[in-house]
Each structure stands twice: as C-alpha cells, then as structure tokens.
Amino acid sequence: MKIKILAVGKTDDRHLEILIDRYMKRLTHYLSATLEILPDVKNARNLSEKEQKRVEGESILKKIQTSDHVVLLDEKGKEFRSMEFSQYLQKKMNAGTRSLVLVIGGPYGFSDSLYKRADGKLSLSKMTMSHQMIRLFLAEQIYRAFTILRNEPYHHE
C-alpha cells in the first residue's frame, strides 16, 4: 500500500518542516509515503469561504485517482487510539488498498464535491489545530502505527 498525504498551503515554520520530513523519511522503511503540498488559493481574501473551499476542492480532486481510497482529516471524522489506527491501516492493507490518500484541507474545511468523493473521514482530535501542525501529527501517527504493527519499541501502551 502507498500512502499519500495531500495538504493545502505550504508550511511556513522551518522547525515543523524538519520534523515532518523526519517522520516521512522514517515511513519509507515500511511503505511508500509521500507528502504533497498544494499551493494556497490565489486571492483567497477576495473569495467567500464557500468559494475558497470550492477552488481548493478542485485542486485536490485533480490529485486523486479513481482507484485511490480517500480519507479526509475532518473534525467530524472517526477518532482512533493509536492501536486502533494501526489496526485500521492493517485492514486497509489486508483489503488490498493500493493507495490511501489522506487529505488535509484549508482553513475552512472541504468542498461538498470533496466530501462526496471521500471514502471516509478521520479526526486526530476534538481540539482545533493548525493545518500545519496536523501534518506533523498525522505523519507521526502513521509512523507509530507501523511500529505497532511490527512490534517495534516505539509505542508504549
């Protein structure tokens, strides 16, 4: 299985970028994992919230293949403990999922068309976090999940 994280907007904190890169590199030990950053919407200030979500949605949809299993990181998504998340990923691999695409949207969430295309929603917390921080937390949790699946001494229950 391949994992692709799609995220809108660049990370403007170099320290965060270093940490995100660290976990993305660690993931390559287990599977093909990539982080693709989509550019921020141009002239976003001049757009309504709905219009900004629509434009971001179109940009994201262009990066998704028909065969991709798409999961949106959404505050109303399913929450997992780390052990449960590792089991979720194992089930996806067992089911023959070739490409799991995890999408981190912009500040207003996702367009209706993206919700319609999605195969699921995932929440990392009930708290609101910056979209830049979520990239780090998601990469770390995927890494943690694979160390759990391999019985490696990273996660402590």
C-alpha atoms as a PDB file:
ATOM      1  CA  MET A   1       0.000   0.000   0.000  1.00  0.00           C
ATOM      2  CA  LYS A   2       1.106   3.539  -0.727  1.00  0.00           C
ATOM      3  CA  ILE A   3       0.149   6.455   1.472  1.00  0.00           C
ATOM      4  CA  LYS A   4      -0.100   9.952   0.093  1.00  0.00           C
ATOM      5  CA  ILE A   5      -0.823  12.953   2.284  1.00  0.00           C
ATOM      6  CA  LEU A   6      -2.273  15.900   0.378  1.00  0.00           C
ATOM      7  CA  ALA A   7      -2.187  19.245   2.172  1.00  0.00           C
ATOM      8  CA  VAL A   8      -3.206  22.746   1.137  1.00  0.00           C
ATOM      9  CA  GLY A   9      -0.693  25.540   1.689  1.00  0.00           C
ATOM     10  CA  LYS A  10       2.997  25.491   2.495  1.00  0.00           C
ATOM     11  CA  THR A  11       4.420  25.140   5.985  1.00  0.00           C
ATOM     12  CA  ASP A  12       5.913  28.461   6.985  1.00  0.00           C
ATOM     13  CA  ASP A  13       7.795  27.165  10.040  1.00  0.00           C
ATOM     14  CA  ARG A  14      11.140  25.551   9.201  1.00  0.00           C
ATOM     15  CA  HIS A  15      11.193  23.651  12.518  1.00  0.00           C
ATOM     16  CA  LEU A  16       7.893  21.983  11.640  1.00  0.00           C
ATOM     17  CA  GLU A  17       9.159  21.130   8.162  1.00  0.00           C
ATOM     18  CA  ILE A  18      12.207  19.390   9.646  1.00  0.00           C
ATOM     19  CA  LEU A  19      10.044  17.280  11.969  1.00  0.00           C
ATOM     20  CA  ILE A  20       7.536  16.430   9.238  1.00  0.00           C
ATOM     21  CA  ASP A  21      10.394  15.395   6.939  1.00  0.00           C
ATOM     22  CA  ARG A  22      11.877  13.249   9.716  1.00  0.00           C
ATOM     23  CA  TYR A  23       8.695  11.187  10.083  1.00  0.00           C
ATOM     24  CA  MET A  24       8.063  10.991   6.344  1.00  0.00           C
ATOM     25  CA  LYS A  25      11.587   9.597   5.880  1.00  0.00           C
ATOM     26  CA  ARG A  26      11.059   7.094   8.702  1.00  0.00           C
ATOM     27  CA  LEU A  27       7.912   5.873   6.972  1.00  0.00           C
ATOM     28  CA  THR A  28       9.856   4.808   3.886  1.00  0.00           C
ATOM     29  CA  HIS A  29      11.171   1.892   5.959  1.00  0.00           C
ATOM     30  CA  TYR A  30       7.624   0.456   5.923  1.00  0.00           C
ATOM     31  CA  LEU A  31       5.970   1.613   2.703  1.00  0.00           C
ATOM     32  CA  SER A  32       5.909   4.299   0.050  1.00  0.00           C
ATOM     33  CA  ALA A  33       4.726   7.503   1.727  1.00  0.00           C
ATOM     34  CA  THR A  34       4.642  10.983   0.249  1.00  0.00           C
ATOM     35  CA  LEU A  35       3.517  14.423   1.311  1.00  0.00           C
ATOM     36  CA  GLU A  36       2.294  16.650  -1.488  1.00  0.00           C
ATOM     37  CA  ILE A  37       1.694  20.310  -0.767  1.00  0.00           C
ATOM     38  CA  LEU A  38      -0.854  22.079  -2.938  1.00  0.00           C
ATOM     39  CA  PRO A  39      -0.498  25.846  -3.323  1.00  0.00           C
ATOM     40  CA  ASP A  40      -2.725  28.182  -1.362  1.00  0.00           C
ATOM     41  CA  VAL A  41      -5.672  29.593  -3.259  1.00  0.00           C
ATOM     42  CA  LYS A  42      -4.690  32.806  -5.019  1.00  0.00           C
ATOM     43  CA  ASN A  43      -6.581  35.930  -3.974  1.00  0.00           C
ATOM     44  CA  ALA A  44      -8.254  33.981  -1.150  1.00  0.00           C
ATOM     45  CA  ARG A  45      -9.116  37.236   0.644  1.00  0.00           C
ATOM     46  CA  ASN A  46     -11.372  38.181  -2.235  1.00  0.00           C
ATOM     47  CA  LEU A  47     -13.250  34.876  -2.122  1.00  0.00           C
ATOM     48  CA  SER A  48     -16.071  33.780   0.124  1.00  0.00           C
ATOM     49  CA  GLU A  49     -15.479  30.807   2.409  1.00  0.00           C
ATOM     50  CA  LYS A  50     -17.603  28.610   0.127  1.00  0.00           C
ATOM     51  CA  GLU A  51     -15.758  29.755  -2.990  1.00  0.00           C
ATOM     52  CA  GLN A  52     -12.371  29.159  -1.366  1.00  0.00           C
ATOM     53  CA  LYS A  53     -13.429  25.611  -0.412  1.00  0.00           C
ATOM     54  CA  ARG A  54     -14.634  25.019  -3.975  1.00  0.00           C
ATOM     55  CA  VAL A  55     -11.334  26.150  -5.524  1.00  0.00           C
ATOM     56  CA  GLU A  56      -9.293  24.111  -3.014  1.00  0.00           C
ATOM     57  CA  GLY A  57     -11.558  21.125  -3.654  1.00  0.00           C
ATOM     58  CA  GLU A  58     -10.970  21.294  -7.401  1.00  0.00           C
ATOM     59  CA  SER A  59      -7.217  21.446  -6.832  1.00  0.00           C
ATOM     60  CA  ILE A  60      -7.326  18.422  -4.504  1.00  0.00           C
ATOM     61  CA  LEU A  61      -9.599  16.385  -6.779  1.00  0.00           C
ATOM     62  CA  LYS A  62      -7.094  16.799  -9.630  1.00  0.00           C
ATOM     63  CA  LYS A  63      -4.530  14.943  -7.484  1.00  0.00           C
ATOM     64  CA  ILE A  64      -6.806  11.984  -6.718  1.00  0.00           C
ATOM     65  CA  GLN A  65      -7.076   8.893  -8.909  1.00  0.00           C
ATOM     66  CA  THR A  66     -10.288   6.882  -9.302  1.00  0.00           C
ATOM     67  CA  SER A  67      -8.716   3.894  -7.554  1.00  0.00           C
ATOM     68  CA  ASP A  68      -7.487   5.905  -4.527  1.00  0.00           C
ATOM     69  CA  HIS A  69      -9.064   5.323  -1.140  1.00  0.00           C
ATOM     70  CA  VAL A  70      -9.585   8.906   0.048  1.00  0.00           C
ATOM     71  CA  VAL A  71      -9.845   9.888   3.710  1.00  0.00           C
ATOM     72  CA  LEU A  72     -10.417  13.489   4.760  1.00  0.00           C
ATOM     73  CA  LEU A  73      -8.976  14.796   8.003  1.00  0.00           C
ATOM     74  CA  ASP A  74     -12.108  16.323   9.409  1.00  0.00           C
ATOM     75  CA  GLU A  75     -13.243  17.378  12.874  1.00  0.00           C
ATOM     76  CA  LYS A  76     -16.340  15.189  12.459  1.00  0.00           C
ATOM     77  CA  GLY A  77     -14.302  12.163  11.413  1.00  0.00           C
ATOM     78  CA  LYS A  78     -13.715   8.924  13.270  1.00  0.00           C
ATOM     79  CA  GLU A  79     -11.273   9.089  16.149  1.00  0.00           C
ATOM     80  CA  PHE A  80      -8.871   6.256  16.917  1.00  0.00           C
ATOM     81  CA  ARG A  81      -6.480   5.416  19.679  1.00  0.00           C
ATOM     82  CA  SER A  82      -3.035   4.647  18.239  1.00  0.00           C
ATOM     83  CA  MET A  83      -3.530   0.873  18.494  1.00  0.00           C
ATOM     84  CA  GLU A  84      -6.883   1.176  16.703  1.00  0.00           C
ATOM     85  CA  PHE A  85      -5.357   3.324  13.978  1.00  0.00           C
ATOM     86  CA  SER A  86      -2.675   0.707  13.359  1.00  0.00           C
ATOM     87  CA  GLN A  87      -5.429  -1.931  13.043  1.00  0.00           C
ATOM     88  CA  TYR A  88      -7.309   0.365  10.639  1.00  0.00           C
ATOM     89  CA  LEU A  89      -4.217   0.618   8.427  1.00  0.00           C
ATOM     90  CA  GLN A  90      -3.689  -3.143   8.624  1.00  0.00           C
ATOM     91  CA  LYS A  91      -7.289  -3.719   7.492  1.00  0.00           C
ATOM     92  CA  LYS A  92      -6.755  -1.370   4.552  1.00  0.00           C
ATOM     93  CA  MET A  93      -3.648  -3.324   3.545  1.00  0.00           C
ATOM     94  CA  ASN A  94      -5.430  -6.670   4.004  1.00  0.00           C
ATOM     95  CA  ALA A  95      -8.298  -5.419   1.842  1.00  0.00           C
ATOM     96  CA  GLY A  96      -5.839  -4.770  -0.983  1.00  0.00           C
ATOM     97  CA  THR A  97      -5.957  -0.974  -0.820  1.00  0.00           C
ATOM     98  CA  ARG A  98      -3.217   0.141  -3.172  1.00  0.00           C
ATOM     99  CA  SER A  99      -3.277   3.855  -2.488  1.00  0.00           C
ATOM    100  CA  LEU A 100      -4.530   5.552   0.656  1.00  0.00           C
ATOM    101  CA  VAL A 101      -4.808   9.310   0.237  1.00  0.00           C
ATOM    102  CA  LEU A 102      -5.148  11.348   3.427  1.00  0.00           C
ATOM    103  CA  VAL A 103      -6.280  14.911   2.764  1.00  0.00           C
ATOM    104  CA  ILE A 104      -5.640  17.929   4.986  1.00  0.00           C
ATOM    105  CA  GLY A 105      -7.765  20.786   3.710  1.00  0.00           C
ATOM    106  CA  GLY A 106      -7.523  24.507   4.068  1.00  0.00           C
ATOM    107  CA  PRO A 107      -8.725  26.645   6.967  1.00  0.00           C
ATOM    108  CA  TYR A 108     -12.437  26.283   6.125  1.00  0.00           C
ATOM    109  CA  GLY A 109     -12.534  22.541   5.537  1.00  0.00           C
ATOM    110  CA  PHE A 110     -13.682  20.780   2.390  1.00  0.00           C
ATOM    111  CA  SER A 111     -15.989  21.418  -0.536  1.00  0.00           C
ATOM    112  CA  ASP A 112     -19.166  19.385  -0.995  1.00  0.00           C
ATOM    113  CA  SER A 113     -17.642  17.687  -4.049  1.00  0.00           C
ATOM    114  CA  LEU A 114     -14.683  16.504  -1.970  1.00  0.00           C
ATOM    115  CA  TYR A 115     -16.977  15.150   0.753  1.00  0.00           C
ATOM    116  CA  LYS A 116     -18.869  13.249  -1.963  1.00  0.00           C
ATOM    117  CA  ARG A 117     -15.649  11.748  -3.337  1.00  0.00           C
ATOM    118  CA  ALA A 118     -14.251  10.763   0.070  1.00  0.00           C
ATOM    119  CA  ASP A 119     -14.355   7.180   1.279  1.00  0.00           C
ATOM    120  CA  GLY A 120     -14.045   8.204   4.921  1.00  0.00           C
ATOM    121  CA  LYS A 121     -13.238  10.894   7.460  1.00  0.00           C
ATOM    122  CA  LEU A 122     -10.621  10.809  10.201  1.00  0.00           C
ATOM    123  CA  SER A 123     -10.186  13.102  13.188  1.00  0.00           C
ATOM    124  CA  LEU A 124      -6.929  13.278  15.120  1.00  0.00           C
ATOM    125  CA  SER A 125      -8.522  15.207  17.985  1.00  0.00           C
ATOM    126  CA  LYS A 126     -11.653  17.026  19.051  1.00  0.00           C
ATOM    127  CA  MET A 127      -9.464  20.101  19.502  1.00  0.00           C
ATOM    128  CA  THR A 128      -8.845  22.525  16.662  1.00  0.00           C
ATOM    129  CA  MET A 129      -5.249  22.540  15.463  1.00  0.00           C
ATOM    130  CA  SER A 130      -3.415  24.390  12.751  1.00  0.00           C
ATOM    131  CA  HIS A 131      -3.301  22.654   9.386  1.00  0.00           C
ATOM    132  CA  GLN A 132       0.467  22.860   9.532  1.00  0.00           C
ATOM    133  CA  MET A 133       0.663  21.047  12.885  1.00  0.00           C
ATOM    134  CA  ILE A 134      -1.746  18.351  11.696  1.00  0.00           C
ATOM    135  CA  ARG A 135       0.789  17.350   9.033  1.00  0.00           C
ATOM    136  CA  LEU A 136       3.326  16.546  11.738  1.00  0.00           C
ATOM    137  CA  PHE A 137       0.817  14.759  13.967  1.00  0.00           C
ATOM    138  CA  LEU A 138      -0.509  12.681  11.078  1.00  0.00           C
ATOM    139  CA  ALA A 139       2.961  11.672   9.854  1.00  0.00           C
ATOM    140  CA  GLU A 140       3.953  10.705  13.399  1.00  0.00           C
ATOM    141  CA  GLN A 141       0.771   8.672  13.940  1.00  0.00           C
ATOM    142  CA  ILE A 142       1.244   6.769  10.683  1.00  0.00           C
ATOM    143  CA  TYR A 143       4.825   6.024  11.713  1.00  0.00           C
ATOM    144  CA  ARG A 144       3.642   4.964  15.172  1.00  0.00           C
ATOM    145  CA  ALA A 145       1.015   2.686  13.604  1.00  0.00           C
ATOM    146  CA  PHE A 146       3.633   0.836  11.586  1.00  0.00           C
ATOM    147  CA  THR A 147       5.941   0.419  14.576  1.00  0.00           C
ATOM    148  CA  ILE A 148       2.966  -1.077  16.424  1.00  0.00           C
ATOM    149  CA  LEU A 149       2.248  -3.460  13.531  1.00  0.00           C
ATOM    150  CA  ARG A 150       5.900  -4.558  13.541  1.00  0.00           C
ATOM    151  CA  ASN A 151       6.075  -4.848  17.353  1.00  0.00           C
ATOM    152  CA  GLU A 152       8.889  -2.317  17.440  1.00  0.00           C
ATOM    153  CA  PRO A 153       9.709  -0.484  20.685  1.00  0.00           C
ATOM    154  CA  TYR A 154       8.377   2.984  19.807  1.00  0.00           C
ATOM    155  CA  HIS A 155       4.836   2.857  21.186  1.00  0.00           C
ATOM    156  CA  HIS A 156       4.129   2.164  24.835  1.00  0.00           C
ATOM    157  CA  GLU A 157       0.648   1.167  25.868  1.00  0.00           C
END
